[in-house]
Amino acid sequence: MNGWLLRAACRSHDPDLWFPDTPGVRSSARAKAICRDCPVRNQCLALALNAANDDAGIYAGLTAFERKQIRSQRSQPLRPGYPRYP
């Protein structure tokens, strides 16, 4: 287990919260709110984008669709001033 996972805000919540049955804003809003202030959000995003490459659930406050958008943008060169994290 990665040491940073021990500091994740999601550890004290029901894991099903990050895998809502119904995709959409309402079903993911609570998980996204918890992720928003998580101290290890960047590590979680890196895991989701690189190592896990998982296309389900919410990681670092982002849905599978939002992560897919980031992956497609990463394949393009970054422009000056381009945000690296949404």
PDB file of N, CA and C in Angstrom:
ATOM      1  N   MET A   1       0.847  -1.187   0.000  1.00  0.00           N
ATOM      2  CA  MET A   1       0.000   0.000   0.000  1.00  0.00           C
ATOM      3  C   MET A   1       0.883   1.238   0.000  1.00  0.00           C
ATOM      4  N   ASN A   2       0.520   2.198  -0.838  1.00  0.00           N
ATOM      5  CA  ASN A   2       1.245   3.458  -0.878  1.00  0.00           C
ATOM      6  C   ASN A   2       1.021   4.211   0.430  1.00  0.00           C
ATOM      7  N   GLY A   3       2.088   4.755   1.004  1.00  0.00           N
ATOM      8  CA  GLY A   3       1.990   5.482   2.263  1.00  0.00           C
ATOM      9  C   GLY A   3       1.029   6.653   2.216  1.00  0.00           C
ATOM     10  N   TRP A   4       0.938   7.299   1.070  1.00  0.00           N
ATOM     11  CA  TRP A   4       0.049   8.463   0.962  1.00  0.00           C
ATOM     12  C   TRP A   4      -1.416   8.075   1.100  1.00  0.00           C
ATOM     13  N   LEU A   5      -1.756   6.832   0.804  1.00  0.00           N
ATOM     14  CA  LEU A   5      -3.148   6.396   0.934  1.00  0.00           C
ATOM     15  C   LEU A   5      -3.639   6.472   2.375  1.00  0.00           C
ATOM     16  N   LEU A   6      -2.727   6.361   3.315  1.00  0.00           N
ATOM     17  CA  LEU A   6      -3.101   6.445   4.730  1.00  0.00           C
ATOM     18  C   LEU A   6      -3.564   7.843   5.114  1.00  0.00           C
ATOM     19  N   ARG A   7      -3.205   8.844   4.313  1.00  0.00           N
ATOM     20  CA  ARG A   7      -3.603  10.226   4.589  1.00  0.00           C
ATOM     21  C   ARG A   7      -4.781  10.686   3.729  1.00  0.00           C
ATOM     22  N   ALA A   8      -5.316   9.802   2.921  1.00  0.00           N
ATOM     23  CA  ALA A   8      -6.406  10.154   2.010  1.00  0.00           C
ATOM     24  C   ALA A   8      -7.701  10.453   2.765  1.00  0.00           C
ATOM     25  N   ALA A   9      -8.400  11.479   2.336  1.00  0.00           N
ATOM     26  CA  ALA A   9      -9.660  11.879   2.961  1.00  0.00           C
ATOM     27  C   ALA A   9     -10.730  10.810   2.798  1.00  0.00           C
ATOM     28  N   CYS A  10     -10.627   9.993   1.793  1.00  0.00           N
ATOM     29  CA  CYS A  10     -11.646   8.989   1.510  1.00  0.00           C
ATOM     30  C   CYS A  10     -11.584   7.783   2.446  1.00  0.00           C
ATOM     31  N   ARG A  11     -10.505   7.629   3.181  1.00  0.00           N
ATOM     32  CA  ARG A  11     -10.332   6.440   4.024  1.00  0.00           C
ATOM     33  C   ARG A  11     -11.451   6.243   5.030  1.00  0.00           C
ATOM     34  N   SER A  12     -12.058   7.304   5.494  1.00  0.00           N
ATOM     35  CA  SER A  12     -13.079   7.183   6.540  1.00  0.00           C
ATOM     36  C   SER A  12     -14.503   7.182   5.975  1.00  0.00           C
ATOM     37  N   HIS A  13     -14.635   6.963   4.681  1.00  0.00           N
ATOM     38  CA  HIS A  13     -15.956   6.976   4.039  1.00  0.00           C
ATOM     39  C   HIS A  13     -16.226   5.656   3.326  1.00  0.00           C
ATOM     40  N   ASP A  14     -17.477   5.417   3.047  1.00  0.00           N
ATOM     41  CA  ASP A  14     -17.905   4.215   2.346  1.00  0.00           C
ATOM     42  C   ASP A  14     -17.313   4.212   0.936  1.00  0.00           C
ATOM     43  N   PRO A  15     -16.570   3.171   0.557  1.00  0.00           N
ATOM     44  CA  PRO A  15     -15.957   3.111  -0.778  1.00  0.00           C
ATOM     45  C   PRO A  15     -16.971   3.204  -1.920  1.00  0.00           C
ATOM     46  N   ASP A  16     -18.201   2.761  -1.684  1.00  0.00           N
ATOM     47  CA  ASP A  16     -19.227   2.829  -2.733  1.00  0.00           C
ATOM     48  C   ASP A  16     -19.525   4.257  -3.160  1.00  0.00           C
ATOM     49  N   LEU A  17     -19.193   5.207  -2.299  1.00  0.00           N
ATOM     50  CA  LEU A  17     -19.428   6.618  -2.629  1.00  0.00           C
ATOM     51  C   LEU A  17     -18.655   7.029  -3.887  1.00  0.00           C
ATOM     52  N   TRP A  18     -17.509   6.414  -4.123  1.00  0.00           N
ATOM     53  CA  TRP A  18     -16.660   6.766  -5.271  1.00  0.00           C
ATOM     54  C   TRP A  18     -16.997   5.963  -6.531  1.00  0.00           C
ATOM     55  N   PHE A  19     -17.976   5.104  -6.400  1.00  0.00           N
ATOM     56  CA  PHE A  19     -18.440   4.318  -7.547  1.00  0.00           C
ATOM     57  C   PHE A  19     -19.960   4.371  -7.601  1.00  0.00           C
ATOM     58  N   PRO A  20     -20.506   5.574  -7.889  1.00  0.00           N
ATOM     59  CA  PRO A  20     -21.970   5.728  -7.893  1.00  0.00           C
ATOM     60  C   PRO A  20     -22.617   4.888  -8.995  1.00  0.00           C
ATOM     61  N   ASP A  21     -23.825   4.395  -8.696  1.00  0.00           N
ATOM     62  CA  ASP A  21     -24.570   3.586  -9.671  1.00  0.00           C
ATOM     63  C   ASP A  21     -24.993   4.401 -10.874  1.00  0.00           C
ATOM     64  N   THR A  22     -25.371   5.639 -10.621  1.00  0.00           N
ATOM     65  CA  THR A  22     -25.853   6.494 -11.691  1.00  0.00           C
ATOM     66  C   THR A  22     -24.818   7.575 -11.978  1.00  0.00           C
ATOM     67  N   PRO A  23     -24.222   7.575 -13.171  1.00  0.00           N
ATOM     68  CA  PRO A  23     -23.251   8.617 -13.497  1.00  0.00           C
ATOM     69  C   PRO A  23     -23.924   9.986 -13.512  1.00  0.00           C
ATOM     70  N   GLY A  24     -23.175  10.994 -13.160  1.00  0.00           N
ATOM     71  CA  GLY A  24     -23.713  12.342 -13.230  1.00  0.00           C
ATOM     72  C   GLY A  24     -23.294  13.188 -12.057  1.00  0.00           C
ATOM     73  N   VAL A  25     -23.681  14.440 -12.112  1.00  0.00           N
ATOM     74  CA  VAL A  25     -23.263  15.412 -11.112  1.00  0.00           C
ATOM     75  C   VAL A  25     -23.815  15.069  -9.732  1.00  0.00           C
ATOM     76  N   ARG A  26     -25.085  14.761  -9.646  1.00  0.00           N
ATOM     77  CA  ARG A  26     -25.683  14.494  -8.337  1.00  0.00           C
ATOM     78  C   ARG A  26     -25.064  13.290  -7.650  1.00  0.00           C
ATOM     79  N   SER A  27     -24.844  12.240  -8.390  1.00  0.00           N
ATOM     80  CA  SER A  27     -24.328  11.021  -7.782  1.00  0.00           C
ATOM     81  C   SER A  27     -22.858  11.143  -7.402  1.00  0.00           C
ATOM     82  N   SER A  28     -22.127  12.044  -8.003  1.00  0.00           N
ATOM     83  CA  SER A  28     -20.705  12.177  -7.721  1.00  0.00           C
ATOM     84  C   SER A  28     -20.367  13.398  -6.872  1.00  0.00           C
ATOM     85  N   ALA A  29     -21.334  14.243  -6.592  1.00  0.00           N
ATOM     86  CA  ALA A  29     -21.068  15.507  -5.895  1.00  0.00           C
ATOM     87  C   ALA A  29     -20.468  15.305  -4.505  1.00  0.00           C
ATOM     88  N   ARG A  30     -20.975  14.349  -3.757  1.00  0.00           N
ATOM     89  CA  ARG A  30     -20.463  14.139  -2.397  1.00  0.00           C
ATOM     90  C   ARG A  30     -19.010  13.670  -2.428  1.00  0.00           C
ATOM     91  N   ALA A  31     -18.708  12.719  -3.289  1.00  0.00           N
ATOM     92  CA  ALA A  31     -17.328  12.234  -3.396  1.00  0.00           C
ATOM     93  C   ALA A  31     -16.403  13.357  -3.847  1.00  0.00           C
ATOM     94  N   LYS A  32     -16.833  14.131  -4.805  1.00  0.00           N
ATOM     95  CA  LYS A  32     -16.011  15.240  -5.302  1.00  0.00           C
ATOM     96  C   LYS A  32     -15.747  16.258  -4.196  1.00  0.00           C
ATOM     97  N   ALA A  33     -16.741  16.505  -3.354  1.00  0.00           N
ATOM     98  CA  ALA A  33     -16.579  17.457  -2.255  1.00  0.00           C
ATOM     99  C   ALA A  33     -15.538  16.957  -1.254  1.00  0.00           C
ATOM    100  N   ILE A  34     -15.531  15.667  -0.982  1.00  0.00           N
ATOM    101  CA  ILE A  34     -14.548  15.088  -0.068  1.00  0.00           C
ATOM    102  C   ILE A  34     -13.149  15.166  -0.684  1.00  0.00           C
ATOM    103  N   CYS A  35     -13.050  14.900  -1.961  1.00  0.00           N
ATOM    104  CA  CYS A  35     -11.754  14.942  -2.652  1.00  0.00           C
ATOM    105  C   CYS A  35     -11.192  16.358  -2.739  1.00  0.00           C
ATOM    106  N   ARG A  36     -12.057  17.332  -2.802  1.00  0.00           N
ATOM    107  CA  ARG A  36     -11.631  18.720  -3.043  1.00  0.00           C
ATOM    108  C   ARG A  36     -10.538  19.176  -2.081  1.00  0.00           C
ATOM    109  N   ASP A  37     -10.658  18.810  -0.811  1.00  0.00           N
ATOM    110  CA  ASP A  37      -9.688  19.262   0.189  1.00  0.00           C
ATOM    111  C   ASP A  37      -8.739  18.162   0.650  1.00  0.00           C
ATOM    112  N   CYS A  38      -8.673  17.080  -0.081  1.00  0.00           N
ATOM    113  CA  CYS A  38      -7.830  15.955   0.303  1.00  0.00           C
ATOM    114  C   CYS A  38      -6.352  16.331   0.187  1.00  0.00           C
ATOM    115  N   PRO A  39      -5.557  15.993   1.208  1.00  0.00           N
ATOM    116  CA  PRO A  39      -4.138  16.354   1.169  1.00  0.00           C
ATOM    117  C   PRO A  39      -3.316  15.547   0.167  1.00  0.00           C
ATOM    118  N   VAL A  40      -3.866  14.456  -0.341  1.00  0.00           N
ATOM    119  CA  VAL A  40      -3.111  13.621  -1.282  1.00  0.00           C
ATOM    120  C   VAL A  40      -3.800  13.567  -2.652  1.00  0.00           C
ATOM    121  N   ARG A  41      -4.511  14.603  -2.993  1.00  0.00           N
ATOM    122  CA  ARG A  41      -5.261  14.642  -4.248  1.00  0.00           C
ATOM    123  C   ARG A  41      -4.345  14.476  -5.467  1.00  0.00           C
ATOM    124  N   ASN A  42      -3.203  15.106  -5.450  1.00  0.00           N
ATOM    125  CA  ASN A  42      -2.286  14.997  -6.599  1.00  0.00           C
ATOM    126  C   ASN A  42      -1.764  13.571  -6.781  1.00  0.00           C
ATOM    127  N   GLN A  43      -1.450  12.894  -5.687  1.00  0.00           N
ATOM    128  CA  GLN A  43      -0.987  11.516  -5.780  1.00  0.00           C
ATOM    129  C   GLN A  43      -2.091  10.608  -6.311  1.00  0.00           C
ATOM    130  N   CYS A  44      -3.308  10.852  -5.865  1.00  0.00           N
ATOM    131  CA  CYS A  44      -4.455  10.067  -6.318  1.00  0.00           C
ATOM    132  C   CYS A  44      -4.673  10.265  -7.818  1.00  0.00           C
ATOM    133  N   LEU A  45      -4.563  11.493  -8.268  1.00  0.00           N
ATOM    134  CA  LEU A  45      -4.731  11.772  -9.691  1.00  0.00           C
ATOM    135  C   LEU A  45      -3.642  11.084 -10.507  1.00  0.00           C
ATOM    136  N   ALA A  46      -2.416  11.151 -10.030  1.00  0.00           N
ATOM    137  CA  ALA A  46      -1.313  10.490 -10.741  1.00  0.00           C
ATOM    138  C   ALA A  46      -1.569   8.995 -10.841  1.00  0.00           C
ATOM    139  N   LEU A  47      -2.052   8.392  -9.764  1.00  0.00           N
ATOM    140  CA  LEU A  47      -2.367   6.967  -9.792  1.00  0.00           C
ATOM    141  C   LEU A  47      -3.458   6.681 -10.811  1.00  0.00           C
ATOM    142  N   ALA A  48      -4.497   7.487 -10.799  1.00  0.00           N
ATOM    143  CA  ALA A  48      -5.623   7.272 -11.709  1.00  0.00           C
ATOM    144  C   ALA A  48      -5.231   7.472 -13.171  1.00  0.00           C
ATOM    145  N   LEU A  49      -4.371   8.418 -13.441  1.00  0.00           N
ATOM    146  CA  LEU A  49      -3.990   8.712 -14.823  1.00  0.00           C
ATOM    147  C   LEU A  49      -2.896   7.784 -15.343  1.00  0.00           C
ATOM    148  N   ASN A  50      -2.027   7.333 -14.461  1.00  0.00           N
ATOM    149  CA  ASN A  50      -0.869   6.567 -14.911  1.00  0.00           C
ATOM    150  C   ASN A  50      -0.945   5.087 -14.549  1.00  0.00           C
ATOM    151  N   ALA A  51      -0.784   4.785 -13.293  1.00  0.00           N
ATOM    152  CA  ALA A  51      -0.675   3.390 -12.873  1.00  0.00           C
ATOM    153  C   ALA A  51      -1.985   2.628 -13.008  1.00  0.00           C
ATOM    154  N   ALA A  52      -3.053   3.146 -12.462  1.00  0.00           N
ATOM    155  CA  ALA A  52      -4.319   2.415 -12.459  1.00  0.00           C
ATOM    156  C   ALA A  52      -4.978   2.418 -13.831  1.00  0.00           C
ATOM    157  N   ASN A  53      -4.963   3.564 -14.487  1.00  0.00           N
ATOM    158  CA  ASN A  53      -5.625   3.722 -15.787  1.00  0.00           C
ATOM    159  C   ASN A  53      -7.040   3.151 -15.738  1.00  0.00           C
ATOM    160  N   ASP A  54      -7.702   3.383 -14.615  1.00  0.00           N
ATOM    161  CA  ASP A  54      -9.041   2.857 -14.373  1.00  0.00           C
ATOM    162  C   ASP A  54     -10.077   3.802 -14.962  1.00  0.00           C
ATOM    163  N   ASP A  55     -11.022   3.260 -15.688  1.00  0.00           N
ATOM    164  CA  ASP A  55     -12.053   4.086 -16.318  1.00  0.00           C
ATOM    165  C   ASP A  55     -13.383   3.982 -15.593  1.00  0.00           C
ATOM    166  N   ALA A  56     -13.336   3.847 -14.286  1.00  0.00           N
ATOM    167  CA  ALA A  56     -14.554   3.793 -13.487  1.00  0.00           C
ATOM    168  C   ALA A  56     -14.323   4.550 -12.186  1.00  0.00           C
ATOM    169  N   GLY A  57     -15.370   5.021 -11.615  1.00  0.00           N
ATOM    170  CA  GLY A  57     -15.290   5.663 -10.314  1.00  0.00           C
ATOM    171  C   GLY A  57     -14.737   7.069 -10.353  1.00  0.00           C
ATOM    172  N   ILE A  58     -14.613   7.630  -9.167  1.00  0.00           N
ATOM    173  CA  ILE A  58     -14.117   8.991  -8.993  1.00  0.00           C
ATOM    174  C   ILE A  58     -12.784   8.913  -8.280  1.00  0.00           C
ATOM    175  N   TYR A  59     -11.785   9.533  -8.867  1.00  0.00           N
ATOM    176  CA  TYR A  59     -10.453   9.612  -8.287  1.00  0.00           C
ATOM    177  C   TYR A  59     -10.039  11.072  -8.296  1.00  0.00           C
ATOM    178  N   ALA A  60      -9.485  11.538  -7.185  1.00  0.00           N
ATOM    179  CA  ALA A  60      -9.009  12.918  -7.076  1.00  0.00           C
ATOM    180  C   ALA A  60     -10.108  13.918  -7.425  1.00  0.00           C
ATOM    181  N   GLY A  61     -11.341  13.532  -7.216  1.00  0.00           N
ATOM    182  CA  GLY A  61     -12.456  14.427  -7.502  1.00  0.00           C
ATOM    183  C   GLY A  61     -12.844  14.494  -8.958  1.00  0.00           C
ATOM    184  N   LEU A  62     -12.358  13.568  -9.766  1.00  0.00           N
ATOM    185  CA  LEU A  62     -12.647  13.581 -11.197  1.00  0.00           C
ATOM    186  C   LEU A  62     -13.336  12.292 -11.619  1.00  0.00           C
ATOM    187  N   THR A  63     -14.311  12.422 -12.493  1.00  0.00           N
ATOM    188  CA  THR A  63     -15.001  11.259 -13.034  1.00  0.00           C
ATOM    189  C   THR A  63     -14.133  10.601 -14.105  1.00  0.00           C
ATOM    190  N   ALA A  64     -14.550   9.430 -14.538  1.00  0.00           N
ATOM    191  CA  ALA A  64     -13.819   8.728 -15.596  1.00  0.00           C
ATOM    192  C   ALA A  64     -13.769   9.581 -16.862  1.00  0.00           C
ATOM    193  N   PHE A  65     -14.864  10.256 -17.184  1.00  0.00           N
ATOM    194  CA  PHE A  65     -14.886  11.115 -18.373  1.00  0.00           C
ATOM    195  C   PHE A  65     -13.902  12.272 -18.228  1.00  0.00           C
ATOM    196  N   GLU A  66     -13.868  12.903 -17.064  1.00  0.00           N
ATOM    197  CA  GLU A  66     -12.942  14.022 -16.844  1.00  0.00           C
ATOM    198  C   GLU A  66     -11.486  13.561 -16.918  1.00  0.00           C
ATOM    199  N   ARG A  67     -11.212  12.374 -16.398  1.00  0.00           N
ATOM    200  CA  ARG A  67      -9.841  11.840 -16.499  1.00  0.00           C
ATOM    201  C   ARG A  67      -9.482  11.512 -17.934  1.00  0.00           C
ATOM    202  N   LYS A  68     -10.446  11.030 -18.689  1.00  0.00           N
ATOM    203  CA  LYS A  68     -10.202  10.743 -20.099  1.00  0.00           C
ATOM    204  C   LYS A  68      -9.830  12.020 -20.848  1.00  0.00           C
ATOM    205  N   GLN A  69     -10.501  13.114 -20.520  1.00  0.00           N
ATOM    206  CA  GLN A  69     -10.178  14.405 -21.144  1.00  0.00           C
ATOM    207  C   GLN A  69      -8.745  14.821 -20.813  1.00  0.00           C
ATOM    208  N   ILE A  70      -8.341  14.633 -19.578  1.00  0.00           N
ATOM    209  CA  ILE A  70      -6.973  14.988 -19.180  1.00  0.00           C
ATOM    210  C   ILE A  70      -5.973  14.119 -19.926  1.00  0.00           C
ATOM    211  N   ARG A  71      -6.254  12.826 -20.022  1.00  0.00           N
ATOM    212  CA  ARG A  71      -5.336  11.931 -20.753  1.00  0.00           C
ATOM    213  C   ARG A  71      -5.163  12.383 -22.205  1.00  0.00           C
ATOM    214  N   SER A  72      -6.260  12.767 -22.840  1.00  0.00           N
ATOM    215  CA  SER A  72      -6.162  13.186 -24.240  1.00  0.00           C
ATOM    216  C   SER A  72      -5.393  14.496 -24.361  1.00  0.00           C
ATOM    217  N   GLN A  73      -5.525  15.384 -23.379  1.00  0.00           N
ATOM    218  CA  GLN A  73      -4.792  16.647 -23.398  1.00  0.00           C
ATOM    219  C   GLN A  73      -3.306  16.418 -23.126  1.00  0.00           C
ATOM    220  N   ARG A  74      -2.997  15.416 -22.322  1.00  0.00           N
ATOM    221  CA  ARG A  74      -1.606  15.128 -22.000  1.00  0.00           C
ATOM    222  C   ARG A  74      -0.844  14.632 -23.215  1.00  0.00           C
ATOM    223  N   SER A  75      -1.543  14.058 -24.169  1.00  0.00           N
ATOM    224  CA  SER A  75      -0.861  13.570 -25.363  1.00  0.00           C
ATOM    225  C   SER A  75      -0.502  14.713 -26.306  1.00  0.00           C
ATOM    226  N   GLN A  76      -1.038  15.889 -26.010  1.00  0.00           N
ATOM    227  CA  GLN A  76      -0.722  17.078 -26.798  1.00  0.00           C
ATOM    228  C   GLN A  76       0.284  17.907 -26.013  1.00  0.00           C
ATOM    229  N   PRO A  77       1.151  18.643 -26.683  1.00  0.00           N
ATOM    230  CA  PRO A  77       2.122  19.477 -25.981  1.00  0.00           C
ATOM    231  C   PRO A  77       1.411  20.536 -25.134  1.00  0.00           C
ATOM    232  N   LEU A  78       1.973  20.794 -23.955  1.00  0.00           N
ATOM    233  CA  LEU A  78       1.411  21.838 -23.100  1.00  0.00           C
ATOM    234  C   LEU A  78       1.762  23.210 -23.651  1.00  0.00           C
ATOM    235  N   ARG A  79       0.780  24.080 -23.639  1.00  0.00           N
ATOM    236  CA  ARG A  79       1.005  25.467 -24.067  1.00  0.00           C
ATOM    237  C   ARG A  79       1.393  26.287 -22.839  1.00  0.00           C
ATOM    238  N   PRO A  80       2.133  27.371 -23.017  1.00  0.00           N
ATOM    239  CA  PRO A  80       2.487  28.213 -21.862  1.00  0.00           C
ATOM    240  C   PRO A  80       1.232  28.677 -21.142  1.00  0.00           C
ATOM    241  N   GLY A  81       1.254  28.560 -19.817  1.00  0.00           N
ATOM    242  CA  GLY A  81       0.112  28.976 -19.020  1.00  0.00           C
ATOM    243  C   GLY A  81      -0.998  27.954 -18.952  1.00  0.00           C
ATOM    244  N   TYR A  82      -0.814  26.813 -19.594  1.00  0.00           N
ATOM    245  CA  TYR A  82      -1.835  25.767 -19.611  1.00  0.00           C
ATOM    246  C   TYR A  82      -1.891  25.099 -18.243  1.00  0.00           C
ATOM    247  N   PRO A  83      -3.059  24.994 -17.638  1.00  0.00           N
ATOM    248  CA  PRO A  83      -3.114  24.382 -16.297  1.00  0.00           C
ATOM    249  C   PRO A  83      -2.807  22.892 -16.353  1.00  0.00           C
ATOM    250  N   ARG A  84      -2.008  22.448 -15.417  1.00  0.00           N
ATOM    251  CA  ARG A  84      -1.646  21.045 -15.345  1.00  0.00           C
ATOM    252  C   ARG A  84      -2.648  20.255 -14.523  1.00  0.00           C
ATOM    253  N   TYR A  85      -3.414  20.912 -13.702  1.00  0.00           N
ATOM    254  CA  TYR A  85      -4.404  20.229 -12.860  1.00  0.00           C
ATOM    255  C   TYR A  85      -5.704  21.005 -12.931  1.00  0.00           C
ATOM    256  N   PRO A  86      -6.785  20.312 -13.239  1.00  0.00           N
ATOM    257  CA  PRO A  86      -8.065  21.034 -13.358  1.00  0.00           C
ATOM    258  C   PRO A  86      -8.557  21.566 -12.031  1.00  0.00           C
TER     259      PRO A  86
END
